[in-house]
Amino acid sequence: MNPDAQLRARIDAFVSDLSTLVRRAALDAVASSLGWPAPAPAKRRPGRPPKAAASAAPAPRKGKRTKRTPEDVAKMGEVVVAYVAKHPGQPVEQIKKALGVEKKDLQLPIVRMVAAKKLKTTGQKRGTKYFVK
């Protein structure tokens, strides 16, 4: 081998080692800033995880909504009906502001009250206004 080829081979090996070290340092810095535990040194090639890790249950999601009981939905529906009786002809946006709840928390109670014929509607989509029957 000529000296230029040997020099090129050593430079390529050095660059490869250096890029691996920089990548590992960057991953360690990100992991420590996020509060993750330090990664364990690789003992096996990437692929299917060992059986013990595969059987572990996934962590529960944070912020997941809990399912409301039918009583809670009915109670919110009655609150909506009482509000609409005092303030007829208002859309959902105004009802949610007045009651101080999210729109997604009003959708099911309103649908149930319309189905129970305690509320009636006029208009379509965002133009829907609610009245007491």
N, C-alpha and C. Protein backbone atom coordinates (compact mmCIF):
# COMPACT_ATOMS: atom_id res chain seq x y z
N MET A 1 0.83 -1.18 0.00
CA MET A 1 0.00 0.00 0.00
C MET A 1 0.88 1.25 0.00
N ASN A 2 0.47 2.23 -0.72
CA ASN A 2 1.27 3.45 -0.76
C ASN A 2 0.93 4.32 0.46
N PRO A 3 1.75 5.26 0.80
CA PRO A 3 1.54 6.08 2.01
C PRO A 3 0.26 6.91 1.94
N ASP A 4 -0.14 7.37 0.75
CA ASP A 4 -1.37 8.15 0.65
C ASP A 4 -2.60 7.31 1.02
N ALA A 5 -2.64 6.08 0.57
CA ALA A 5 -3.77 5.21 0.87
C ALA A 5 -3.81 4.87 2.36
N GLN A 6 -2.62 4.65 2.96
CA GLN A 6 -2.56 4.37 4.39
C GLN A 6 -3.04 5.57 5.19
N LEU A 7 -2.59 6.75 4.79
CA LEU A 7 -3.00 7.98 5.47
C LEU A 7 -4.51 8.17 5.34
N ARG A 8 -5.08 7.96 4.16
CA ARG A 8 -6.52 8.11 3.94
C ARG A 8 -7.30 7.11 4.81
N ALA A 9 -6.81 5.86 4.91
CA ALA A 9 -7.49 4.84 5.71
C ALA A 9 -7.50 5.22 7.19
N ARG A 10 -6.36 5.74 7.69
CA ARG A 10 -6.30 6.15 9.10
C ARG A 10 -7.20 7.36 9.36
N ILE A 11 -7.25 8.30 8.43
CA ILE A 11 -8.12 9.48 8.59
C ILE A 11 -9.58 9.04 8.61
N ASP A 12 -9.97 8.14 7.71
CA ASP A 12 -11.35 7.65 7.68
C ASP A 12 -11.72 6.93 8.97
N ALA A 13 -10.81 6.13 9.51
CA ALA A 13 -11.07 5.43 10.76
C ALA A 13 -11.22 6.43 11.91
N PHE A 14 -10.35 7.45 11.91
CA PHE A 14 -10.42 8.48 12.96
C PHE A 14 -11.75 9.24 12.88
N VAL A 15 -12.16 9.62 11.69
CA VAL A 15 -13.42 10.36 11.52
C VAL A 15 -14.61 9.50 11.95
N SER A 16 -14.57 8.23 11.63
CA SER A 16 -15.64 7.32 12.02
C SER A 16 -15.74 7.21 13.54
N ASP A 17 -14.58 7.02 14.21
CA ASP A 17 -14.56 6.94 15.67
C ASP A 17 -15.03 8.24 16.30
N LEU A 18 -14.58 9.35 15.74
CA LEU A 18 -14.93 10.66 16.28
C LEU A 18 -16.43 10.92 16.13
N SER A 19 -17.01 10.57 14.99
CA SER A 19 -18.45 10.80 14.79
C SER A 19 -19.26 9.92 15.74
N THR A 20 -18.80 8.71 16.00
CA THR A 20 -19.49 7.83 16.96
C THR A 20 -19.46 8.44 18.36
N LEU A 21 -18.31 8.95 18.77
CA LEU A 21 -18.19 9.57 20.09
C LEU A 21 -19.05 10.83 20.21
N VAL A 22 -19.09 11.65 19.17
CA VAL A 22 -19.90 12.87 19.20
C VAL A 22 -21.38 12.51 19.27
N ARG A 23 -21.81 11.53 18.50
CA ARG A 23 -23.20 11.10 18.49
C ARG A 23 -23.60 10.58 19.88
N ARG A 24 -22.74 9.76 20.49
CA ARG A 24 -23.02 9.21 21.82
C ARG A 24 -23.09 10.33 22.85
N ALA A 25 -22.18 11.31 22.78
CA ALA A 25 -22.19 12.43 23.72
C ALA A 25 -23.45 13.26 23.57
N ALA A 26 -23.89 13.48 22.34
CA ALA A 26 -25.11 14.24 22.11
C ALA A 26 -26.33 13.51 22.67
N LEU A 27 -26.40 12.21 22.45
CA LEU A 27 -27.52 11.43 22.98
C LEU A 27 -27.51 11.43 24.51
N ASP A 28 -26.34 11.32 25.12
CA ASP A 28 -26.25 11.37 26.58
C ASP A 28 -26.69 12.74 27.11
N ALA A 29 -26.32 13.81 26.42
CA ALA A 29 -26.70 15.15 26.86
C ALA A 29 -28.22 15.35 26.77
N VAL A 30 -28.82 14.88 25.69
CA VAL A 30 -30.28 14.99 25.54
C VAL A 30 -30.98 14.15 26.60
N ALA A 31 -30.50 12.94 26.81
CA ALA A 31 -31.13 12.06 27.80
C ALA A 31 -31.03 12.64 29.20
N SER A 32 -29.90 13.22 29.56
CA SER A 32 -29.76 13.78 30.90
C SER A 32 -30.60 15.04 31.06
N SER A 33 -30.76 15.83 30.00
CA SER A 33 -31.59 17.03 30.10
C SER A 33 -33.07 16.67 30.21
N LEU A 34 -33.48 15.55 29.65
CA LEU A 34 -34.86 15.10 29.75
C LEU A 34 -35.11 14.28 31.01
N GLY A 35 -34.05 13.98 31.75
CA GLY A 35 -34.20 13.22 32.98
C GLY A 35 -34.27 11.72 32.77
N TRP A 36 -33.88 11.26 31.61
CA TRP A 36 -33.88 9.83 31.35
C TRP A 36 -32.67 9.20 31.99
N PRO A 37 -32.76 7.94 32.36
CA PRO A 37 -31.56 7.28 32.89
C PRO A 37 -30.51 7.10 31.79
N ALA A 38 -29.27 7.04 32.21
CA ALA A 38 -28.18 6.88 31.24
C ALA A 38 -28.34 5.54 30.53
N PRO A 39 -28.11 5.51 29.21
CA PRO A 39 -28.27 4.24 28.50
C PRO A 39 -27.20 3.24 28.91
N ALA A 40 -27.60 2.00 29.03
CA ALA A 40 -26.66 0.94 29.37
C ALA A 40 -25.83 0.61 28.14
N PRO A 41 -24.61 0.18 28.35
CA PRO A 41 -23.80 -0.20 27.19
C PRO A 41 -24.44 -1.36 26.44
N ALA A 42 -24.32 -1.33 25.15
CA ALA A 42 -24.94 -2.36 24.32
C ALA A 42 -24.26 -3.70 24.54
N LYS A 43 -25.06 -4.70 24.90
CA LYS A 43 -24.51 -6.04 25.13
C LYS A 43 -24.87 -6.96 23.98
N ARG A 44 -25.86 -6.56 23.22
CA ARG A 44 -26.28 -7.39 22.09
C ARG A 44 -26.65 -6.50 20.93
N ARG A 45 -26.76 -7.08 19.81
CA ARG A 45 -27.09 -6.33 18.62
C ARG A 45 -28.54 -5.85 18.68
N PRO A 46 -28.86 -4.77 17.96
CA PRO A 46 -30.24 -4.31 17.94
C PRO A 46 -31.16 -5.34 17.31
N GLY A 47 -32.36 -5.37 17.73
CA GLY A 47 -33.33 -6.32 17.20
C GLY A 47 -34.42 -6.54 18.21
N ARG A 48 -34.89 -7.73 18.29
CA ARG A 48 -35.97 -8.06 19.20
C ARG A 48 -35.50 -7.94 20.64
N PRO A 49 -36.30 -7.28 21.51
CA PRO A 49 -35.87 -7.13 22.91
C PRO A 49 -35.96 -8.46 23.65
N PRO A 50 -35.24 -8.57 24.76
CA PRO A 50 -35.33 -9.81 25.53
C PRO A 50 -36.74 -10.01 26.06
N LYS A 51 -37.11 -11.25 26.42
CA LYS A 51 -38.47 -11.57 26.84
C LYS A 51 -38.91 -10.77 28.06
N ALA A 52 -38.03 -10.53 29.00
CA ALA A 52 -38.41 -9.82 30.22
C ALA A 52 -38.87 -8.40 29.90
N ALA A 53 -38.20 -7.74 28.99
CA ALA A 53 -38.57 -6.36 28.63
C ALA A 53 -39.83 -6.34 27.78
N ALA A 54 -40.05 -7.36 26.98
CA ALA A 54 -41.21 -7.40 26.10
C ALA A 54 -42.50 -7.58 26.89
N SER A 55 -42.44 -8.24 28.05
CA SER A 55 -43.66 -8.50 28.80
C SER A 55 -44.02 -7.36 29.75
N ALA A 56 -43.17 -6.35 29.86
CA ALA A 56 -43.47 -5.23 30.75
C ALA A 56 -44.66 -4.43 30.20
N ALA A 57 -45.54 -4.01 31.10
CA ALA A 57 -46.72 -3.25 30.70
C ALA A 57 -46.31 -1.82 30.35
N PRO A 58 -46.95 -1.22 29.35
CA PRO A 58 -46.61 0.16 29.00
C PRO A 58 -47.05 1.11 30.10
N ALA A 59 -46.36 2.22 30.23
CA ALA A 59 -46.69 3.22 31.24
C ALA A 59 -48.01 3.90 30.86
N PRO A 60 -48.84 4.24 31.84
CA PRO A 60 -50.10 4.91 31.51
C PRO A 60 -49.84 6.31 30.98
N ARG A 61 -50.71 6.77 30.11
CA ARG A 61 -50.56 8.09 29.51
C ARG A 61 -50.94 9.15 30.54
N LYS A 62 -50.20 10.24 30.49
CA LYS A 62 -50.54 11.36 31.36
C LYS A 62 -51.58 12.22 30.67
N GLY A 63 -52.51 12.77 31.43
CA GLY A 63 -53.47 13.68 30.89
C GLY A 63 -54.64 13.00 30.18
N LYS A 64 -54.73 11.70 30.28
CA LYS A 64 -55.83 11.01 29.61
C LYS A 64 -57.12 11.30 30.36
N ARG A 65 -58.16 11.59 29.62
CA ARG A 65 -59.44 11.90 30.24
C ARG A 65 -60.04 10.65 30.84
N THR A 66 -60.73 10.83 31.94
CA THR A 66 -61.43 9.71 32.55
C THR A 66 -62.84 9.64 31.98
N LYS A 67 -63.40 8.47 31.99
CA LYS A 67 -64.74 8.28 31.44
C LYS A 67 -65.76 8.82 32.44
N ARG A 68 -66.69 9.63 31.94
CA ARG A 68 -67.72 10.18 32.80
C ARG A 68 -68.84 9.17 32.99
N THR A 69 -69.44 9.20 34.16
CA THR A 69 -70.56 8.30 34.43
C THR A 69 -71.81 8.87 33.77
N PRO A 70 -72.81 8.02 33.53
CA PRO A 70 -74.06 8.52 32.96
C PRO A 70 -74.73 9.58 33.84
N GLU A 71 -74.53 9.46 35.15
CA GLU A 71 -75.10 10.46 36.06
C GLU A 71 -74.44 11.82 35.85
N ASP A 72 -73.11 11.83 35.64
CA ASP A 72 -72.40 13.08 35.40
C ASP A 72 -72.86 13.74 34.09
N VAL A 73 -73.06 12.91 33.08
CA VAL A 73 -73.52 13.43 31.78
C VAL A 73 -74.93 14.00 31.92
N ALA A 74 -75.80 13.28 32.63
CA ALA A 74 -77.17 13.74 32.82
C ALA A 74 -77.20 15.03 33.64
N LYS A 75 -76.36 15.12 34.66
CA LYS A 75 -76.30 16.32 35.50
C LYS A 75 -75.86 17.53 34.67
N MET A 76 -74.83 17.34 33.83
CA MET A 76 -74.36 18.43 32.97
C MET A 76 -75.44 18.80 31.97
N GLY A 77 -76.18 17.80 31.47
CA GLY A 77 -77.28 18.08 30.55
C GLY A 77 -78.36 18.94 31.20
N GLU A 78 -78.67 18.66 32.46
CA GLU A 78 -79.67 19.46 33.16
C GLU A 78 -79.17 20.89 33.39
N VAL A 79 -77.87 21.04 33.65
CA VAL A 79 -77.29 22.38 33.81
C VAL A 79 -77.41 23.15 32.50
N VAL A 80 -77.15 22.48 31.39
CA VAL A 80 -77.26 23.12 30.08
C VAL A 80 -78.71 23.52 29.80
N VAL A 81 -79.65 22.62 30.10
CA VAL A 81 -81.07 22.92 29.87
C VAL A 81 -81.49 24.12 30.71
N ALA A 82 -81.06 24.19 31.97
CA ALA A 82 -81.41 25.31 32.84
C ALA A 82 -80.83 26.62 32.29
N TYR A 83 -79.59 26.56 31.79
CA TYR A 83 -78.97 27.77 31.23
C TYR A 83 -79.70 28.21 29.96
N VAL A 84 -80.01 27.25 29.09
CA VAL A 84 -80.68 27.58 27.83
C VAL A 84 -82.09 28.11 28.09
N ALA A 85 -82.74 27.66 29.16
CA ALA A 85 -84.07 28.17 29.50
C ALA A 85 -83.99 29.66 29.84
N LYS A 86 -82.91 30.08 30.50
CA LYS A 86 -82.74 31.49 30.86
C LYS A 86 -82.19 32.32 29.71
N HIS A 87 -81.43 31.67 28.81
CA HIS A 87 -80.77 32.37 27.71
C HIS A 87 -81.02 31.61 26.40
N PRO A 88 -82.24 31.67 25.85
CA PRO A 88 -82.54 30.89 24.64
C PRO A 88 -81.82 31.45 23.41
N GLY A 89 -81.55 30.55 22.46
CA GLY A 89 -81.00 30.96 21.18
C GLY A 89 -79.50 31.17 21.15
N GLN A 90 -78.79 30.60 22.11
CA GLN A 90 -77.33 30.79 22.11
C GLN A 90 -76.63 29.57 21.51
N PRO A 91 -75.51 29.79 20.83
CA PRO A 91 -74.72 28.67 20.29
C PRO A 91 -73.86 28.04 21.39
N VAL A 92 -73.24 26.93 21.07
CA VAL A 92 -72.42 26.20 22.04
C VAL A 92 -71.27 27.07 22.55
N GLU A 93 -70.67 27.90 21.71
CA GLU A 93 -69.54 28.71 22.13
C GLU A 93 -69.92 29.62 23.29
N GLN A 94 -71.10 30.22 23.22
CA GLN A 94 -71.53 31.10 24.31
C GLN A 94 -71.93 30.31 25.54
N ILE A 95 -72.53 29.14 25.34
CA ILE A 95 -72.91 28.30 26.47
C ILE A 95 -71.66 27.84 27.22
N LYS A 96 -70.63 27.43 26.49
CA LYS A 96 -69.41 26.95 27.15
C LYS A 96 -68.71 28.07 27.91
N LYS A 97 -68.72 29.28 27.36
CA LYS A 97 -68.11 30.41 28.07
C LYS A 97 -68.87 30.72 29.35
N ALA A 98 -70.19 30.71 29.27
CA ALA A 98 -71.01 31.04 30.43
C ALA A 98 -70.89 29.99 31.53
N LEU A 99 -70.81 28.72 31.14
CA LEU A 99 -70.73 27.64 32.13
C LEU A 99 -69.29 27.37 32.56
N GLY A 100 -68.33 27.88 31.82
CA GLY A 100 -66.93 27.69 32.17
C GLY A 100 -66.43 26.27 31.98
N VAL A 101 -66.89 25.60 30.93
CA VAL A 101 -66.45 24.24 30.64
C VAL A 101 -65.94 24.18 29.21
N GLU A 102 -65.27 23.09 28.89
CA GLU A 102 -64.76 22.88 27.54
C GLU A 102 -65.89 22.43 26.61
N LYS A 103 -65.73 22.72 25.33
CA LYS A 103 -66.73 22.34 24.35
C LYS A 103 -66.89 20.82 24.28
N LYS A 104 -65.77 20.11 24.38
CA LYS A 104 -65.83 18.65 24.30
C LYS A 104 -66.60 18.04 25.47
N ASP A 105 -66.66 18.76 26.62
CA ASP A 105 -67.42 18.28 27.76
C ASP A 105 -68.91 18.57 27.62
N LEU A 106 -69.29 19.43 26.70
CA LEU A 106 -70.70 19.76 26.47
C LEU A 106 -71.34 18.94 25.36
N GLN A 107 -70.56 18.39 24.47
CA GLN A 107 -71.11 17.75 23.29
C GLN A 107 -72.05 16.60 23.63
N LEU A 108 -71.63 15.65 24.45
CA LEU A 108 -72.45 14.50 24.78
C LEU A 108 -73.71 14.90 25.56
N PRO A 109 -73.61 15.75 26.60
CA PRO A 109 -74.84 16.14 27.30
C PRO A 109 -75.85 16.84 26.39
N ILE A 110 -75.37 17.68 25.48
CA ILE A 110 -76.30 18.37 24.57
C ILE A 110 -76.96 17.38 23.62
N VAL A 111 -76.20 16.43 23.09
CA VAL A 111 -76.77 15.41 22.20
C VAL A 111 -77.83 14.62 22.94
N ARG A 112 -77.54 14.26 24.18
CA ARG A 112 -78.51 13.49 24.98
C ARG A 112 -79.78 14.30 25.27
N MET A 113 -79.64 15.58 25.55
CA MET A 113 -80.80 16.42 25.85
C MET A 113 -81.64 16.66 24.59
N VAL A 114 -81.00 16.77 23.43
CA VAL A 114 -81.75 16.90 22.17
C VAL A 114 -82.49 15.60 21.89
N ALA A 115 -81.82 14.46 22.14
CA ALA A 115 -82.46 13.16 21.90
C ALA A 115 -83.63 12.94 22.87
N ALA A 116 -83.50 13.46 24.10
CA ALA A 116 -84.57 13.33 25.09
C ALA A 116 -85.66 14.37 24.87
N LYS A 117 -85.51 15.21 23.85
CA LYS A 117 -86.46 16.26 23.46
C LYS A 117 -86.64 17.30 24.56
N LYS A 118 -85.57 17.55 25.31
CA LYS A 118 -85.59 18.64 26.28
C LYS A 118 -85.04 19.92 25.66
N LEU A 119 -84.24 19.76 24.59
CA LEU A 119 -83.72 20.89 23.83
C LEU A 119 -84.12 20.73 22.38
N LYS A 120 -84.29 21.84 21.69
CA LYS A 120 -84.47 21.80 20.25
C LYS A 120 -83.43 22.72 19.63
N THR A 121 -83.14 22.50 18.36
CA THR A 121 -82.09 23.25 17.68
C THR A 121 -82.62 23.90 16.43
N THR A 122 -81.93 24.99 16.06
CA THR A 122 -82.16 25.61 14.76
C THR A 122 -80.79 25.88 14.16
N GLY A 123 -80.69 25.83 12.87
CA GLY A 123 -79.41 26.07 12.22
C GLY A 123 -78.61 24.79 12.06
N GLN A 124 -77.44 24.94 11.46
CA GLN A 124 -76.58 23.79 11.20
C GLN A 124 -75.16 24.10 11.59
N LYS A 125 -74.44 23.08 11.97
CA LYS A 125 -73.02 23.13 12.31
C LYS A 125 -72.74 24.25 13.31
N ARG A 126 -71.87 25.18 12.98
CA ARG A 126 -71.49 26.23 13.93
C ARG A 126 -72.59 27.26 14.14
N GLY A 127 -73.59 27.24 13.27
CA GLY A 127 -74.70 28.18 13.41
C GLY A 127 -75.85 27.62 14.23
N THR A 128 -75.67 26.46 14.85
CA THR A 128 -76.74 25.84 15.62
C THR A 128 -77.01 26.64 16.89
N LYS A 129 -78.28 26.93 17.11
CA LYS A 129 -78.71 27.63 18.32
C LYS A 129 -79.66 26.71 19.07
N TYR A 130 -79.65 26.82 20.40
CA TYR A 130 -80.41 25.88 21.24
C TYR A 130 -81.52 26.61 21.96
N PHE A 131 -82.68 25.90 22.06
CA PHE A 131 -83.87 26.41 22.74
C PHE A 131 -84.45 25.29 23.58
N VAL A 132 -85.19 25.66 24.65
CA VAL A 132 -85.87 24.67 25.47
C VAL A 132 -87.21 24.35 24.83
N LYS A 133 -87.58 23.07 24.82
CA LYS A 133 -88.87 22.66 24.22
C LYS A 133 -89.98 22.91 25.19
